Amino acid sequence: MPTQIHDSLWTTTSPLVVLQWVHLNTRMTVVRLENGSLLLHSPVPWSSELQRQIQKIGSVGYIVAPSCFHHMFVGEWKEHNPDAKICAPKGLLKKRKDLDITYVLQEHTNLWASEIQYFEIKGVPLLQEHIFYHHSSKTLIVTDFLFHLPKSTGFTSFYAWINGVKNTVATTLLFKSAIKDKEAFRDSLKVLREMDIKVLSLCHHDVLTEDAATHLTQALNKLNVPTSHSQEND
């Protein structure tokens, strides 16, 4: 069942196993836009019951694949919501030729005007992850950019520890290994320093409603993301 975070924002999760041994969850965020239609960010597996719950909130207008990795269940939701428009990074045009992509995120940078701000994390061409900020709830929505796995056990706990995400919000080694242009990467994240963030929605853990801005600042500091007044060196 979707959990309501704000009067126009809900999230719901589903189990996910990666690398055969790492047990995570994956999270879909549902935003109700001012016109009443819904935006589904990073869809989880479709089910008739979840569809029924979503329809109680509104009709699906947009299905968003926020990166080249978070797209597995987009087709299922499109099949059951044929009028919805798929929004995705340009990398999916070749990777998922089966998807009818209406809007390429890099080409349409202001689809939802003042309601939702989004931008691509530059310098990581393999992922092309886009970060979303929901203005009215002051929620930052990320997928693979940040992890935090404090409740993990077994091999997943070891994975979290070695990646530095067991006890703190941070970027994993796997994500860092995909960065091809560090300067572009850090420069694209500077905008996060200026945002008023009250909620941090992590796709692979939880929704942080306490000290969200502090967690984000600490993660940006670890990445040497510059402020508007300074520039860090490698």
Foldseek 3Di string as FASTA:
>chain_A
DWDDPDPFKTKDWDWDDPPNPAIWIFMWMWGQAPVREIEIELDDADDPVVVVVVVVRGAHAEYEDQKPVRCPRSVVVCVVRVNHAYEYAPVVVVVPVVDPHDHHCVVDQQPRPPQKHKDFQPQQVRIRGIWIAGPVSLEIEGEQQKAAACPDDDVNCVLCVVQVRNHAIAHGPVSVVRGRDLVSRLARCQVLVVGDHQWYQYRTHGIDRPCPNVRVVVHSVVSQRDHPVDHDDD
